[in-house]
Amino acid sequence: MKLTITINEYPIGWEWLDKVPLEDFTWLIEIFATMTDNTDTYDFATFDKEATNGEPPYPVIEIDRKGLAYFMNDDQGYEPGISMYGHYIACKSLDISSEEEYMNQLTDIKLICNEL
């Protein structure tokens, strides 16, 4: 059995998800799906498909933050969670608000996070 260390009931490395504004999950959940190569990340979000007349990306209206944190921890581990927090901060600094922008600026993000 794998021991999961927690902070405020979140797996360590992913506890920062508790503080992410709901509107940021509209693009962040897409990044997680890309990171994990797994669309199961979308299962932790409720989307408002009517807000965009059925055209993606759909705004997230609710997120199971703890469920997503445990899924990401199981799939990626705690070190990628810490790394992804740095990526999130870099995205906010660079005003990135989509998975496409994230992928287009990934090299810059990694430089900011001192990962290259």
N, C-alpha and C. Protein backbone atom coordinates (compact mmCIF):
# COMPACT_ATOMS: atom_id res chain seq x y z
N MET A 1 0.84 -1.18 0.00
CA MET A 1 0.00 0.00 0.00
C MET A 1 0.88 1.24 0.00
N LYS A 2 0.60 2.15 -0.91
CA LYS A 2 1.37 3.38 -1.05
C LYS A 2 0.88 4.42 -0.04
N LEU A 3 1.78 4.92 0.77
CA LEU A 3 1.44 5.94 1.76
C LEU A 3 1.37 7.30 1.07
N THR A 4 0.29 8.01 1.30
CA THR A 4 0.12 9.35 0.74
C THR A 4 0.19 10.36 1.88
N ILE A 5 1.20 11.21 1.84
CA ILE A 5 1.33 12.27 2.83
C ILE A 5 0.42 13.41 2.39
N THR A 6 -0.33 13.98 3.32
CA THR A 6 -1.30 15.02 2.97
C THR A 6 -1.01 16.33 3.71
N ILE A 7 -1.49 17.40 3.11
CA ILE A 7 -1.51 18.72 3.73
C ILE A 7 -2.94 19.22 3.54
N ASN A 8 -3.62 19.49 4.64
CA ASN A 8 -5.03 19.93 4.60
C ASN A 8 -5.89 18.99 3.75
N GLU A 9 -5.65 17.69 3.90
CA GLU A 9 -6.39 16.61 3.24
C GLU A 9 -6.09 16.48 1.74
N TYR A 10 -5.10 17.22 1.26
CA TYR A 10 -4.66 17.10 -0.13
C TYR A 10 -3.32 16.37 -0.15
N PRO A 11 -3.07 15.55 -1.19
CA PRO A 11 -1.76 14.92 -1.27
C PRO A 11 -0.67 15.98 -1.43
N ILE A 12 0.43 15.79 -0.73
CA ILE A 12 1.52 16.76 -0.79
C ILE A 12 1.98 16.92 -2.24
N GLY A 13 2.24 18.14 -2.61
CA GLY A 13 2.63 18.46 -3.97
C GLY A 13 1.46 18.97 -4.79
N TRP A 14 0.25 18.60 -4.39
CA TRP A 14 -0.95 19.01 -5.14
C TRP A 14 -1.89 19.86 -4.29
N GLU A 15 -1.49 20.22 -3.08
CA GLU A 15 -2.35 20.98 -2.17
C GLU A 15 -2.65 22.38 -2.71
N TRP A 16 -1.83 22.87 -3.60
CA TRP A 16 -2.04 24.19 -4.20
C TRP A 16 -3.33 24.27 -5.01
N LEU A 17 -3.86 23.12 -5.45
CA LEU A 17 -5.12 23.11 -6.21
C LEU A 17 -6.28 23.70 -5.40
N ASP A 18 -6.16 23.65 -4.09
CA ASP A 18 -7.21 24.20 -3.22
C ASP A 18 -7.36 25.70 -3.40
N LYS A 19 -6.29 26.38 -3.80
CA LYS A 19 -6.29 27.85 -3.90
C LYS A 19 -6.49 28.37 -5.32
N VAL A 20 -6.59 27.49 -6.31
CA VAL A 20 -6.74 27.92 -7.70
C VAL A 20 -8.16 28.45 -7.92
N PRO A 21 -8.29 29.66 -8.47
CA PRO A 21 -9.62 30.18 -8.76
C PRO A 21 -10.35 29.27 -9.76
N LEU A 22 -11.64 29.15 -9.58
CA LEU A 22 -12.45 28.26 -10.41
C LEU A 22 -12.26 28.55 -11.90
N GLU A 23 -12.21 29.82 -12.28
CA GLU A 23 -12.10 30.16 -13.70
C GLU A 23 -10.79 29.65 -14.32
N ASP A 24 -9.75 29.46 -13.53
CA ASP A 24 -8.48 28.94 -14.06
C ASP A 24 -8.56 27.46 -14.42
N PHE A 25 -9.51 26.76 -13.85
CA PHE A 25 -9.63 25.34 -14.16
C PHE A 25 -10.13 25.09 -15.58
N THR A 26 -10.72 26.10 -16.22
CA THR A 26 -11.17 25.94 -17.60
C THR A 26 -10.00 25.57 -18.50
N TRP A 27 -8.83 26.16 -18.27
CA TRP A 27 -7.65 25.80 -19.06
C TRP A 27 -6.74 24.82 -18.33
N LEU A 28 -6.70 24.88 -17.01
CA LEU A 28 -5.80 24.01 -16.25
C LEU A 28 -6.19 22.54 -16.39
N ILE A 29 -7.47 22.24 -16.41
CA ILE A 29 -7.92 20.85 -16.55
C ILE A 29 -7.48 20.29 -17.90
N GLU A 30 -7.44 21.13 -18.93
CA GLU A 30 -6.95 20.70 -20.25
C GLU A 30 -5.46 20.39 -20.19
N ILE A 31 -4.71 21.20 -19.47
CA ILE A 31 -3.28 20.96 -19.33
C ILE A 31 -3.05 19.64 -18.60
N PHE A 32 -3.84 19.38 -17.56
CA PHE A 32 -3.70 18.11 -16.84
C PHE A 32 -4.01 16.93 -17.74
N ALA A 33 -5.02 17.06 -18.60
CA ALA A 33 -5.34 15.98 -19.53
C ALA A 33 -4.18 15.74 -20.49
N THR A 34 -3.53 16.82 -20.92
CA THR A 34 -2.36 16.70 -21.80
C THR A 34 -1.19 16.07 -21.06
N MET A 35 -0.94 16.54 -19.83
CA MET A 35 0.15 16.01 -19.01
C MET A 35 0.03 14.51 -18.78
N THR A 36 -1.17 14.10 -18.45
CA THR A 36 -1.40 12.70 -18.08
C THR A 36 -1.70 11.83 -19.29
N ASP A 37 -1.95 12.47 -20.43
CA ASP A 37 -2.40 11.77 -21.63
C ASP A 37 -3.63 10.93 -21.30
N ASN A 38 -4.52 11.54 -20.50
CA ASN A 38 -5.67 10.82 -19.97
C ASN A 38 -6.83 11.79 -19.80
N THR A 39 -7.91 11.55 -20.49
CA THR A 39 -9.07 12.43 -20.39
C THR A 39 -9.87 12.23 -19.10
N ASP A 40 -9.45 11.31 -18.25
CA ASP A 40 -10.13 11.12 -16.96
C ASP A 40 -10.09 12.38 -16.11
N THR A 41 -9.14 13.27 -16.39
CA THR A 41 -9.09 14.52 -15.61
C THR A 41 -10.38 15.31 -15.76
N TYR A 42 -11.03 15.19 -16.92
CA TYR A 42 -12.28 15.91 -17.14
C TYR A 42 -13.41 15.41 -16.24
N ASP A 43 -13.29 14.20 -15.72
CA ASP A 43 -14.32 13.63 -14.85
C ASP A 43 -14.43 14.38 -13.53
N PHE A 44 -13.42 15.17 -13.20
CA PHE A 44 -13.42 15.90 -11.93
C PHE A 44 -14.00 17.31 -12.07
N ALA A 45 -14.44 17.64 -13.28
CA ALA A 45 -14.98 18.98 -13.54
C ALA A 45 -16.41 18.90 -14.05
N THR A 46 -17.18 19.91 -13.71
CA THR A 46 -18.51 20.10 -14.28
C THR A 46 -18.43 21.34 -15.16
N PHE A 47 -18.87 21.20 -16.40
CA PHE A 47 -18.72 22.25 -17.39
C PHE A 47 -20.06 22.90 -17.72
N ASP A 48 -20.01 24.16 -18.12
CA ASP A 48 -21.19 24.89 -18.58
C ASP A 48 -21.14 24.96 -20.11
N LYS A 49 -21.69 23.94 -20.75
CA LYS A 49 -21.64 23.86 -22.21
C LYS A 49 -22.55 24.88 -22.88
N GLU A 50 -23.57 25.33 -22.17
CA GLU A 50 -24.49 26.33 -22.74
C GLU A 50 -23.85 27.71 -22.83
N ALA A 51 -22.87 27.99 -21.97
CA ALA A 51 -22.25 29.32 -21.93
C ALA A 51 -21.52 29.66 -23.22
N THR A 52 -21.10 28.63 -23.95
CA THR A 52 -20.34 28.86 -25.19
C THR A 52 -21.07 28.28 -26.41
N ASN A 53 -22.39 28.13 -26.25
CA ASN A 53 -23.21 27.55 -27.33
C ASN A 53 -22.66 26.21 -27.83
N GLY A 54 -22.14 25.43 -26.90
CA GLY A 54 -21.66 24.10 -27.22
C GLY A 54 -20.28 24.05 -27.85
N GLU A 55 -19.59 25.19 -27.91
CA GLU A 55 -18.25 25.25 -28.51
C GLU A 55 -17.18 25.20 -27.41
N PRO A 56 -16.29 24.21 -27.47
CA PRO A 56 -15.22 24.16 -26.47
C PRO A 56 -14.22 25.31 -26.66
N PRO A 57 -13.49 25.71 -25.65
CA PRO A 57 -13.51 25.12 -24.32
C PRO A 57 -14.71 25.61 -23.51
N TYR A 58 -15.26 24.71 -22.75
CA TYR A 58 -16.41 25.03 -21.90
C TYR A 58 -15.91 25.54 -20.56
N PRO A 59 -16.52 26.58 -20.02
CA PRO A 59 -16.10 27.04 -18.69
C PRO A 59 -16.42 26.00 -17.62
N VAL A 60 -15.49 25.85 -16.70
CA VAL A 60 -15.70 24.96 -15.56
C VAL A 60 -16.56 25.69 -14.55
N ILE A 61 -17.61 25.03 -14.07
CA ILE A 61 -18.48 25.67 -13.06
C ILE A 61 -18.35 25.01 -11.70
N GLU A 62 -17.71 23.83 -11.68
CA GLU A 62 -17.48 23.15 -10.41
C GLU A 62 -16.32 22.18 -10.62
N ILE A 63 -15.50 22.01 -9.57
CA ILE A 63 -14.37 21.10 -9.66
C ILE A 63 -14.25 20.31 -8.36
N ASP A 64 -14.05 19.01 -8.49
CA ASP A 64 -13.76 18.17 -7.34
C ASP A 64 -12.25 18.26 -7.11
N ARG A 65 -11.84 19.27 -6.36
CA ARG A 65 -10.43 19.58 -6.20
C ARG A 65 -9.66 18.45 -5.53
N LYS A 66 -10.20 17.90 -4.45
CA LYS A 66 -9.49 16.82 -3.76
C LYS A 66 -9.42 15.57 -4.63
N GLY A 67 -10.51 15.25 -5.30
CA GLY A 67 -10.50 14.09 -6.19
C GLY A 67 -9.47 14.25 -7.29
N LEU A 68 -9.42 15.44 -7.89
CA LEU A 68 -8.44 15.72 -8.93
C LEU A 68 -7.03 15.65 -8.37
N ALA A 69 -6.83 16.20 -7.18
CA ALA A 69 -5.50 16.18 -6.57
C ALA A 69 -5.03 14.74 -6.33
N TYR A 70 -5.90 13.88 -5.83
CA TYR A 70 -5.53 12.48 -5.60
C TYR A 70 -5.29 11.75 -6.92
N PHE A 71 -6.11 12.04 -7.93
CA PHE A 71 -5.89 11.43 -9.24
C PHE A 71 -4.53 11.84 -9.80
N MET A 72 -4.23 13.14 -9.75
CA MET A 72 -2.96 13.62 -10.27
C MET A 72 -1.79 13.05 -9.48
N ASN A 73 -1.94 12.94 -8.18
CA ASN A 73 -0.88 12.38 -7.36
C ASN A 73 -0.65 10.91 -7.71
N ASP A 74 -1.72 10.15 -7.86
CA ASP A 74 -1.58 8.74 -8.23
C ASP A 74 -0.97 8.58 -9.61
N ASP A 75 -1.35 9.46 -10.53
CA ASP A 75 -0.90 9.35 -11.91
C ASP A 75 0.51 9.92 -12.11
N GLN A 76 0.81 11.03 -11.46
CA GLN A 76 2.06 11.74 -11.71
C GLN A 76 3.05 11.73 -10.55
N GLY A 77 2.54 11.65 -9.31
CA GLY A 77 3.42 11.72 -8.15
C GLY A 77 3.47 13.13 -7.58
N TYR A 78 4.14 13.27 -6.45
CA TYR A 78 4.14 14.57 -5.78
C TYR A 78 5.14 15.54 -6.40
N GLU A 79 6.28 15.05 -6.91
CA GLU A 79 7.26 15.96 -7.50
C GLU A 79 6.70 16.68 -8.73
N PRO A 80 6.02 15.98 -9.65
CA PRO A 80 5.39 16.72 -10.75
C PRO A 80 4.33 17.71 -10.27
N GLY A 81 3.70 17.44 -9.13
CA GLY A 81 2.74 18.39 -8.58
C GLY A 81 3.41 19.67 -8.17
N ILE A 82 4.56 19.55 -7.53
CA ILE A 82 5.33 20.73 -7.13
C ILE A 82 5.79 21.47 -8.38
N SER A 83 6.27 20.73 -9.37
CA SER A 83 6.70 21.33 -10.63
C SER A 83 5.54 22.03 -11.32
N MET A 84 4.38 21.38 -11.33
CA MET A 84 3.21 21.96 -12.00
C MET A 84 2.76 23.22 -11.30
N TYR A 85 2.96 23.32 -10.00
CA TYR A 85 2.63 24.55 -9.29
C TYR A 85 3.48 25.70 -9.84
N GLY A 86 4.77 25.43 -10.06
CA GLY A 86 5.64 26.44 -10.67
C GLY A 86 5.15 26.81 -12.06
N HIS A 87 4.72 25.81 -12.82
CA HIS A 87 4.18 26.07 -14.16
C HIS A 87 2.92 26.94 -14.08
N TYR A 88 2.08 26.64 -13.10
CA TYR A 88 0.86 27.43 -12.93
C TYR A 88 1.19 28.90 -12.63
N ILE A 89 2.15 29.12 -11.73
CA ILE A 89 2.56 30.48 -11.40
C ILE A 89 3.13 31.17 -12.63
N ALA A 90 3.95 30.44 -13.41
CA ALA A 90 4.52 31.01 -14.63
C ALA A 90 3.41 31.36 -15.62
N CYS A 91 2.42 30.48 -15.75
CA CYS A 91 1.28 30.75 -16.65
C CYS A 91 0.56 32.02 -16.24
N LYS A 92 0.34 32.18 -14.95
CA LYS A 92 -0.34 33.38 -14.47
C LYS A 92 0.52 34.62 -14.76
N SER A 93 1.82 34.51 -14.59
CA SER A 93 2.73 35.63 -14.85
C SER A 93 2.76 35.99 -16.33
N LEU A 94 2.67 34.98 -17.20
CA LEU A 94 2.71 35.20 -18.64
C LEU A 94 1.32 35.42 -19.23
N ASP A 95 0.30 35.46 -18.38
CA ASP A 95 -1.09 35.65 -18.79
C ASP A 95 -1.56 34.56 -19.76
N ILE A 96 -1.15 33.34 -19.50
CA ILE A 96 -1.55 32.19 -20.31
C ILE A 96 -2.89 31.70 -19.80
N SER A 97 -3.83 31.49 -20.73
CA SER A 97 -5.16 31.07 -20.31
C SER A 97 -5.75 29.99 -21.21
N SER A 98 -4.87 29.20 -21.82
CA SER A 98 -5.35 28.06 -22.60
C SER A 98 -4.26 27.01 -22.69
N GLU A 99 -4.68 25.79 -22.96
CA GLU A 99 -3.74 24.69 -23.11
C GLU A 99 -2.85 24.94 -24.33
N GLU A 100 -3.42 25.52 -25.37
CA GLU A 100 -2.65 25.81 -26.59
C GLU A 100 -1.53 26.81 -26.30
N GLU A 101 -1.85 27.90 -25.58
CA GLU A 101 -0.82 28.87 -25.21
C GLU A 101 0.24 28.23 -24.32
N TYR A 102 -0.19 27.37 -23.41
CA TYR A 102 0.73 26.67 -22.52
C TYR A 102 1.73 25.86 -23.33
N MET A 103 1.23 25.06 -24.27
CA MET A 103 2.10 24.22 -25.08
C MET A 103 3.02 25.07 -25.95
N ASN A 104 2.52 26.19 -26.48
CA ASN A 104 3.33 27.07 -27.32
C ASN A 104 4.44 27.77 -26.54
N GLN A 105 4.24 27.96 -25.24
CA GLN A 105 5.23 28.67 -24.43
C GLN A 105 5.89 27.77 -23.39
N LEU A 106 5.80 26.45 -23.58
CA LEU A 106 6.33 25.51 -22.58
C LEU A 106 7.82 25.72 -22.33
N THR A 107 8.59 26.01 -23.36
CA THR A 107 10.02 26.24 -23.17
C THR A 107 10.24 27.44 -22.26
N ASP A 108 9.52 28.54 -22.49
CA ASP A 108 9.63 29.72 -21.63
C ASP A 108 9.22 29.40 -20.20
N ILE A 109 8.16 28.64 -20.05
CA ILE A 109 7.69 28.26 -18.72
C ILE A 109 8.75 27.45 -17.99
N LYS A 110 9.36 26.49 -18.70
CA LYS A 110 10.41 25.67 -18.08
C LYS A 110 11.63 26.51 -17.72
N LEU A 111 11.96 27.51 -18.54
CA LEU A 111 13.06 28.41 -18.21
C LEU A 111 12.76 29.21 -16.95
N ILE A 112 11.53 29.73 -16.86
CA ILE A 112 11.12 30.48 -15.68
C ILE A 112 11.20 29.61 -14.43
N CYS A 113 10.85 28.33 -14.59
CA CYS A 113 10.83 27.41 -13.45
C CYS A 113 12.20 26.74 -13.24
N ASN A 114 13.21 27.18 -14.02
CA ASN A 114 14.56 26.66 -13.89
C ASN A 114 14.60 25.14 -14.13
N GLU A 115 13.85 24.68 -15.14
CA GLU A 115 13.80 23.26 -15.45
C GLU A 115 14.60 22.90 -16.70
N LEU A 116 15.22 23.87 -17.32
CA LEU A 116 16.06 23.61 -18.51
C LEU A 116 17.51 23.93 -18.22
